[in-house]
C-alpha atoms as a PDB file:
ATOM      1  CA  MET A   1     -26.410  29.806 -39.731  1.00  0.00           C
ATOM      2  CA  TYR A   2     -26.206  30.856 -36.089  1.00  0.00           C
ATOM      3  CA  ILE A   3     -27.452  28.509 -33.369  1.00  0.00           C
ATOM      4  CA  LEU A   4     -28.746  30.190 -30.220  1.00  0.00           C
ATOM      5  CA  TYR A   5     -29.190  28.098 -27.107  1.00  0.00           C
ATOM      6  CA  HIS A   6     -31.771  30.046 -25.166  1.00  0.00           C
ATOM      7  CA  ALA A   7     -34.468  30.016 -22.523  1.00  0.00           C
ATOM      8  CA  PRO A   8     -37.459  32.382 -22.681  1.00  0.00           C
ATOM      9  CA  ALA A   9     -37.225  35.589 -20.660  1.00  0.00           C
ATOM     10  CA  THR A  10     -33.578  35.074 -19.678  1.00  0.00           C
ATOM     11  CA  ALA A  11     -30.303  36.728 -20.664  1.00  0.00           C
ATOM     12  CA  SER A  12     -30.679  35.212 -24.115  1.00  0.00           C
ATOM     13  CA  MET A  13     -33.442  37.726 -24.946  1.00  0.00           C
ATOM     14  CA  ALA A  14     -31.086  40.484 -26.090  1.00  0.00           C
ATOM     15  CA  VAL A  15     -29.168  38.070 -28.319  1.00  0.00           C
ATOM     16  CA  HIS A  16     -32.398  36.740 -29.819  1.00  0.00           C
ATOM     17  CA  MET A  17     -33.630  40.286 -30.435  1.00  0.00           C
ATOM     18  CA  THR A  18     -30.306  41.185 -32.061  1.00  0.00           C
ATOM     19  CA  LEU A  19     -30.621  38.241 -34.437  1.00  0.00           C
ATOM     20  CA  LEU A  20     -34.145  39.366 -35.323  1.00  0.00           C
ATOM     21  CA  GLU A  21     -33.026  42.973 -35.854  1.00  0.00           C
ATOM     22  CA  ILE A  22     -30.211  41.836 -38.126  1.00  0.00           C
ATOM     23  CA  GLY A  23     -32.369  39.331 -39.965  1.00  0.00           C
ATOM     24  CA  ALA A  24     -29.589  36.746 -39.876  1.00  0.00           C
ATOM     25  CA  PRO A  25     -30.464  33.077 -40.427  1.00  0.00           C
ATOM     26  CA  HIS A  26     -30.494  31.309 -37.095  1.00  0.00           C
ATOM     27  CA  ARG A  27     -31.862  28.295 -35.270  1.00  0.00           C
ATOM     28  CA  LEU A  28     -33.101  28.301 -31.702  1.00  0.00           C
ATOM     29  CA  GLU A  29     -32.319  25.462 -29.336  1.00  0.00           C
ATOM     30  CA  LEU A  30     -34.352  25.515 -26.128  1.00  0.00           C
ATOM     31  CA  VAL A  31     -32.483  24.916 -22.882  1.00  0.00           C
ATOM     32  CA  ASP A  32     -35.163  23.812 -20.420  1.00  0.00           C
ATOM     33  CA  LEU A  33     -34.094  25.396 -17.153  1.00  0.00           C
ATOM     34  CA  GLY A  34     -36.978  23.733 -15.334  1.00  0.00           C
ATOM     35  CA  SER A  35     -35.490  20.310 -15.991  1.00  0.00           C
ATOM     36  CA  LYS A  36     -31.929  21.554 -15.321  1.00  0.00           C
ATOM     37  CA  ALA A  37     -30.950  21.033 -18.957  1.00  0.00           C
ATOM     38  CA  GLN A  38     -28.255  23.672 -18.460  1.00  0.00           C
ATOM     39  CA  ARG A  39     -26.434  21.103 -16.281  1.00  0.00           C
ATOM     40  CA  ASP A  40     -26.554  18.365 -18.882  1.00  0.00           C
ATOM     41  CA  PRO A  41     -22.990  17.253 -19.716  1.00  0.00           C
ATOM     42  CA  GLU A  42     -23.629  17.799 -23.413  1.00  0.00           C
ATOM     43  CA  TYR A  43     -24.646  21.411 -22.806  1.00  0.00           C
ATOM     44  CA  LEU A  44     -21.778  21.977 -20.378  1.00  0.00           C
ATOM     45  CA  ARG A  45     -19.381  21.118 -23.173  1.00  0.00           C
ATOM     46  CA  LEU A  46     -20.745  24.189 -24.958  1.00  0.00           C
ATOM     47  CA  ASN A  47     -21.080  26.410 -21.915  1.00  0.00           C
ATOM     48  CA  PRO A  48     -19.053  25.265 -18.868  1.00  0.00           C
ATOM     49  CA  MET A  49     -20.854  27.843 -16.705  1.00  0.00           C
ATOM     50  CA  GLY A  50     -24.162  26.069 -17.305  1.00  0.00           C
ATOM     51  CA  GLN A  51     -25.908  29.288 -18.245  1.00  0.00           C
ATOM     52  CA  VAL A  52     -27.775  30.734 -21.208  1.00  0.00           C
ATOM     53  CA  PRO A  53     -27.233  32.073 -23.738  1.00  0.00           C
ATOM     54  CA  THR A  54     -24.744  30.188 -25.854  1.00  0.00           C
ATOM     55  CA  LEU A  55     -24.338  31.251 -29.469  1.00  0.00           C
ATOM     56  CA  VAL A  56     -22.643  28.921 -31.922  1.00  0.00           C
ATOM     57  CA  ILE A  57     -20.814  30.886 -34.612  1.00  0.00           C
ATOM     58  CA  GLU A  58     -19.195  28.916 -37.423  1.00  0.00           C
ATOM     59  CA  GLY A  59     -19.216  25.801 -35.279  1.00  0.00           C
ATOM     60  CA  ARG A  60     -17.717  27.409 -32.169  1.00  0.00           C
ATOM     61  CA  PRO A  61     -19.695  28.203 -28.988  1.00  0.00           C
ATOM     62  CA  HIS A  62     -19.566  31.681 -27.473  1.00  0.00           C
ATOM     63  CA  THR A  63     -21.095  32.978 -24.245  1.00  0.00           C
ATOM     64  CA  GLU A  64     -22.012  36.150 -22.300  1.00  0.00           C
ATOM     65  CA  SER A  65     -25.001  38.067 -23.641  1.00  0.00           C
ATOM     66  CA  ALA A  66     -23.295  41.478 -23.768  1.00  0.00           C
ATOM     67  CA  ALA A  67     -20.355  40.021 -25.690  1.00  0.00           C
ATOM     68  CA  LEU A  68     -22.678  38.154 -28.053  1.00  0.00           C
ATOM     69  CA  VAL A  69     -24.662  41.222 -29.086  1.00  0.00           C
ATOM     70  CA  MET A  70     -21.379  43.025 -29.743  1.00  0.00           C
ATOM     71  CA  MET A  71     -20.116  40.123 -31.867  1.00  0.00           C
ATOM     72  CA  LEU A  72     -23.309  40.028 -33.900  1.00  0.00           C
ATOM     73  CA  ALA A  73     -23.400  43.791 -34.371  1.00  0.00           C
ATOM     74  CA  ASP A  74     -19.816  43.791 -35.628  1.00  0.00           C
ATOM     75  CA  ARG A  75     -20.379  40.803 -37.906  1.00  0.00           C
ATOM     76  CA  HIS A  76     -23.329  42.544 -39.542  1.00  0.00           C
ATOM     77  CA  PRO A  77     -22.388  46.212 -40.000  1.00  0.00           C
ATOM     78  CA  GLU A  78     -25.183  46.620 -42.549  1.00  0.00           C
ATOM     79  CA  ALA A  79     -27.684  46.419 -39.655  1.00  0.00           C
ATOM     80  CA  GLY A  80     -26.255  49.599 -38.103  1.00  0.00           C
ATOM     81  CA  LEU A  81     -26.257  48.263 -34.548  1.00  0.00           C
ATOM     82  CA  ALA A  82     -22.621  49.190 -33.833  1.00  0.00           C
ATOM     83  CA  PRO A  83     -20.750  52.420 -34.578  1.00  0.00           C
ATOM     84  CA  LYS A  84     -17.509  52.224 -36.522  1.00  0.00           C
ATOM     85  CA  VAL A  85     -14.361  51.376 -34.586  1.00  0.00           C
ATOM     86  CA  GLY A  86     -12.293  54.443 -33.796  1.00  0.00           C
ATOM     87  CA  THR A  87     -15.221  56.845 -33.520  1.00  0.00           C
ATOM     88  CA  ALA A  88     -16.428  58.677 -30.430  1.00  0.00           C
ATOM     89  CA  GLU A  89     -19.767  56.930 -30.853  1.00  0.00           C
ATOM     90  CA  ARG A  90     -18.041  53.549 -30.705  1.00  0.00           C
ATOM     91  CA  ASP A  91     -16.285  54.485 -27.490  1.00  0.00           C
ATOM     92  CA  GLN A  92     -19.583  55.541 -25.944  1.00  0.00           C
ATOM     93  CA  TRP A  93     -21.292  52.371 -27.205  1.00  0.00           C
ATOM     94  CA  THR A  94     -18.638  50.168 -25.618  1.00  0.00           C
ATOM     95  CA  GLN A  95     -18.810  52.137 -22.390  1.00  0.00           C
ATOM     96  CA  TRP A  96     -22.568  51.673 -22.015  1.00  0.00           C
ATOM     97  CA  ILE A  97     -22.475  47.966 -22.781  1.00  0.00           C
ATOM     98  CA  VAL A  98     -19.699  47.331 -20.261  1.00  0.00           C
ATOM     99  CA  PHE A  99     -21.442  49.522 -17.682  1.00  0.00           C
ATOM    100  CA  MET A 100     -24.706  47.603 -17.992  1.00  0.00           C
ATOM    101  CA  SER A 101     -22.958  44.252 -17.921  1.00  0.00           C
ATOM    102  CA  ASN A 102     -20.856  45.142 -14.873  1.00  0.00           C
ATOM    103  CA  VAL A 103     -23.525  46.935 -12.865  1.00  0.00           C
ATOM    104  CA  LEU A 104     -26.935  45.677 -13.947  1.00  0.00           C
ATOM    105  CA  ALA A 105     -26.302  42.115 -15.107  1.00  0.00           C
ATOM    106  CA  SER A 106     -24.086  41.184 -12.171  1.00  0.00           C
ATOM    107  CA  THR A 107     -26.334  42.808  -9.551  1.00  0.00           C
ATOM    108  CA  PHE A 108     -29.473  41.266 -10.990  1.00  0.00           C
ATOM    109  CA  ARG A 109     -27.701  37.899 -10.860  1.00  0.00           C
ATOM    110  CA  PHE A 110     -27.280  38.266  -7.097  1.00  0.00           C
ATOM    111  CA  TRP A 111     -30.869  39.552  -6.751  1.00  0.00           C
ATOM    112  CA  PHE A 112     -32.344  36.521  -8.507  1.00  0.00           C
ATOM    113  CA  TYR A 113     -29.913  33.908  -7.195  1.00  0.00           C
ATOM    114  CA  PRO A 114     -29.198  34.335  -3.460  1.00  0.00           C
ATOM    115  CA  PRO A 115     -27.238  31.033  -3.409  1.00  0.00           C
ATOM    116  CA  ASP A 116     -24.537  32.843  -5.401  1.00  0.00           C
ATOM    117  CA  LEU A 117     -23.916  34.769  -2.182  1.00  0.00           C
ATOM    118  CA  GLY A 118     -24.168  31.633  -0.054  1.00  0.00           C
ATOM    119  CA  ARG A 119     -27.724  32.244   1.161  1.00  0.00           C
ATOM    120  CA  ALA A 120     -31.088  30.558   0.681  1.00  0.00           C
ATOM    121  CA  GLU A 121     -32.598  34.038   0.572  1.00  0.00           C
ATOM    122  CA  HIS A 122     -31.343  37.550   1.129  1.00  0.00           C
ATOM    123  CA  PRO A 123     -31.802  39.305   4.468  1.00  0.00           C
ATOM    124  CA  PRO A 124     -33.450  42.743   4.181  1.00  0.00           C
ATOM    125  CA  GLU A 125     -30.179  44.668   4.339  1.00  0.00           C
ATOM    126  CA  VAL A 126     -28.724  42.740   1.390  1.00  0.00           C
ATOM    127  CA  ARG A 127     -31.885  43.165  -0.665  1.00  0.00           C
ATOM    128  CA  ASP A 128     -31.805  46.887   0.085  1.00  0.00           C
ATOM    129  CA  ALA A 129     -28.169  47.159  -0.964  1.00  0.00           C
ATOM    130  CA  LEU A 130     -28.809  45.332  -4.245  1.00  0.00           C
ATOM    131  CA  GLN A 131     -31.839  47.521  -4.959  1.00  0.00           C
ATOM    132  CA  ARG A 132     -29.835  50.675  -4.303  1.00  0.00           C
ATOM    133  CA  LYS A 133     -27.161  49.583  -6.760  1.00  0.00           C
ATOM    134  CA  ILE A 134     -29.743  48.849  -9.453  1.00  0.00           C
ATOM    135  CA  HIS A 135     -31.522  52.134  -8.747  1.00  0.00           C
ATOM    136  CA  SER A 136     -28.247  54.022  -9.096  1.00  0.00           C
ATOM    137  CA  ALA A 137     -27.850  52.522 -12.566  1.00  0.00           C
ATOM    138  CA  TRP A 138     -31.384  53.594 -13.496  1.00  0.00           C
ATOM    139  CA  ASP A 139     -30.567  57.094 -12.207  1.00  0.00           C
ATOM    140  CA  ARG A 140     -27.548  57.347 -14.483  1.00  0.00           C
ATOM    141  CA  LEU A 141     -29.245  55.869 -17.541  1.00  0.00           C
ATOM    142  CA  ASP A 142     -32.378  57.959 -17.066  1.00  0.00           C
ATOM    143  CA  ALA A 143     -30.377  61.183 -16.778  1.00  0.00           C
ATOM    144  CA  HIS A 144     -28.414  60.295 -19.902  1.00  0.00           C
ATOM    145  CA  LEU A 145     -31.522  59.483 -21.948  1.00  0.00           C
ATOM    146  CA  ALA A 146     -33.306  62.608 -20.749  1.00  0.00           C
ATOM    147  CA  ALA A 147     -30.408  64.758 -21.921  1.00  0.00           C
ATOM    148  CA  ASN A 148     -29.257  62.822 -24.989  1.00  0.00           C
ATOM    149  CA  GLY A 149     -32.022  60.374 -26.057  1.00  0.00           C
ATOM    150  CA  PRO A 150     -34.183  58.902 -27.351  1.00  0.00           C
ATOM    151  CA  TYR A 151     -31.551  56.108 -27.545  1.00  0.00           C
ATOM    152  CA  LEU A 152     -28.280  55.656 -25.684  1.00  0.00           C
ATOM    153  CA  LEU A 153     -26.431  57.017 -28.734  1.00  0.00           C
ATOM    154  CA  GLY A 154     -28.888  59.815 -29.386  1.00  0.00           C
ATOM    155  CA  ASP A 155     -30.957  59.384 -32.516  1.00  0.00           C
ATOM    156  CA  THR A 156     -29.300  56.102 -33.487  1.00  0.00           C
ATOM    157  CA  LEU A 157     -30.551  52.731 -32.294  1.00  0.00           C
ATOM    158  CA  SER A 158     -27.750  50.324 -31.379  1.00  0.00           C
ATOM    159  CA  ALA A 159     -27.206  46.939 -29.771  1.00  0.00           C
ATOM    160  CA  ALA A 160     -26.710  48.728 -26.451  1.00  0.00           C
ATOM    161  CA  ASP A 161     -30.394  49.655 -26.495  1.00  0.00           C
ATOM    162  CA  LEU A 162     -31.395  46.017 -26.954  1.00  0.00           C
ATOM    163  CA  LEU A 163     -29.443  45.105 -23.832  1.00  0.00           C
ATOM    164  CA  LEU A 164     -30.945  47.967 -21.863  1.00  0.00           C
ATOM    165  CA  LEU A 165     -34.482  46.923 -22.752  1.00  0.00           C
ATOM    166  CA  MET A 166     -33.810  43.381 -21.542  1.00  0.00           C
ATOM    167  CA  TYR A 167     -32.361  44.582 -18.246  1.00  0.00           C
ATOM    168  CA  MET A 168     -35.309  46.920 -17.734  1.00  0.00           C
ATOM    169  CA  ARG A 169     -37.677  44.002 -18.176  1.00  0.00           C
ATOM    170  CA  TRP A 170     -35.874  42.142 -15.420  1.00  0.00           C
ATOM    171  CA  SER A 171     -36.972  44.831 -12.958  1.00  0.00           C
ATOM    172  CA  ARG A 172     -40.678  44.291 -13.651  1.00  0.00           C
ATOM    173  CA  ASN A 173     -41.400  42.464 -10.364  1.00  0.00           C
ATOM    174  CA  MET A 174     -39.094  44.491  -8.148  1.00  0.00           C
ATOM    175  CA  PRO A 175     -40.574  46.883  -5.571  1.00  0.00           C
ATOM    176  CA  ARG A 176     -39.616  49.773  -7.867  1.00  0.00           C
ATOM    177  CA  THR A 177     -39.428  49.017 -11.582  1.00  0.00           C
ATOM    178  CA  ALA A 178     -37.320  50.810 -14.175  1.00  0.00           C
ATOM    179  CA  LEU A 179     -40.521  52.242 -15.655  1.00  0.00           C
ATOM    180  CA  GLU A 180     -40.767  54.612 -12.690  1.00  0.00           C
ATOM    181  CA  TRP A 181     -37.932  56.655 -14.214  1.00  0.00           C
ATOM    182  CA  PRO A 182     -39.586  58.886 -16.863  1.00  0.00           C
ATOM    183  CA  ALA A 183     -36.920  58.870 -19.571  1.00  0.00           C
ATOM    184  CA  LEU A 184     -36.467  55.125 -19.192  1.00  0.00           C
ATOM    185  CA  LYS A 185     -40.222  54.623 -19.486  1.00  0.00           C
ATOM    186  CA  ALA A 186     -40.306  56.675 -22.692  1.00  0.00           C
ATOM    187  CA  PHE A 187     -37.403  54.612 -23.988  1.00  0.00           C
ATOM    188  CA  ALA A 188     -39.131  51.314 -23.149  1.00  0.00           C
ATOM    189  CA  ASP A 189     -42.414  52.458 -24.684  1.00  0.00           C
ATOM    190  CA  ARG A 190     -40.592  53.248 -27.923  1.00  0.00           C
ATOM    191  CA  MET A 191     -38.504  50.057 -27.960  1.00  0.00           C
ATOM    192  CA  ARG A 192     -41.423  47.749 -27.200  1.00  0.00           C
ATOM    193  CA  GLN A 193     -43.114  48.857 -30.406  1.00  0.00           C
ATOM    194  CA  ARG A 194     -40.306  47.422 -32.513  1.00  0.00           C
ATOM    195  CA  ASP A 195     -41.146  44.483 -34.705  1.00  0.00           C
ATOM    196  CA  SER A 196     -38.192  42.510 -33.318  1.00  0.00           C
ATOM    197  CA  TRP A 197     -39.543  42.785 -29.753  1.00  0.00           C
ATOM    198  CA  GLN A 198     -43.040  41.752 -30.775  1.00  0.00           C
ATOM    199  CA  ARG A 199     -41.730  38.836 -32.829  1.00  0.00           C
ATOM    200  CA  LEU A 200     -39.521  37.710 -29.960  1.00  0.00           C
ATOM    201  CA  TYR A 201     -42.575  37.620 -27.693  1.00  0.00           C
ATOM    202  CA  ASP A 202     -44.499  35.562 -30.214  1.00  0.00           C
ATOM    203  CA  ILE A 203     -41.629  33.106 -30.692  1.00  0.00           C
ATOM    204  CA  GLU A 204     -40.785  32.731 -27.005  1.00  0.00           C
ATOM    205  CA  GLY A 205     -44.426  32.604 -25.908  1.00  0.00           C
ATOM    206  CA  LEU A 206     -44.203  35.609 -23.580  1.00  0.00           C
ATOM    207  CA  GLU A 207     -46.879  38.099 -22.585  1.00  0.00           C
ATOM    208  CA  GLU A 208     -45.846  40.013 -19.445  1.00  0.00           C
ATOM    209  CA  TRP A 209     -44.274  43.438 -20.159  1.00  0.00           C
ATOM    210  CA  ARG A 210     -44.976  43.133 -23.891  1.00  0.00           C
ATOM    211  CA  SER A 211     -45.958  46.765 -24.473  1.00  0.00           C
END
């Protein structure tokens, strides 16, 4: 059984959704960010970065949401969330996951946590620069989906789509959300109808951006 250390509406969402898509037995362990449980010495032994998610696989902790969805997809090929190694589809799948992790995840981290850049809050020029970088990612993803969708790999849903949906949700309170890009909005509308997304919302007690 997998053990997922998570917090609602954080980077653990894509991993949780992947587990639900796969149907793999798992147990959730809440990390209460409000009480700084991510800094508890016991949790830091699992995740020295003091972040969520952490996924325990066969007794060993693993971190980084993009890596975790890839691990799960590869461990459960019957779920069809990862193309076969050595195929063009696999190369594209890896490319999109790394792109989103490098560009979206890291930039959102700075957007949400100004102290990571040594500031209590961002001055306008830094906020503008971070927004432009996120918008450039939406531009690229929207153009790709418009030409090749409905999913990142065409007609085939994959773990990359689960990550994309999570990152899109993170933009919901920004001045310009990802839903303002038409192909991305169509993608989100389709993905938010999935049973795994609805179940995740029920389990994590979420409502905003449900459908």
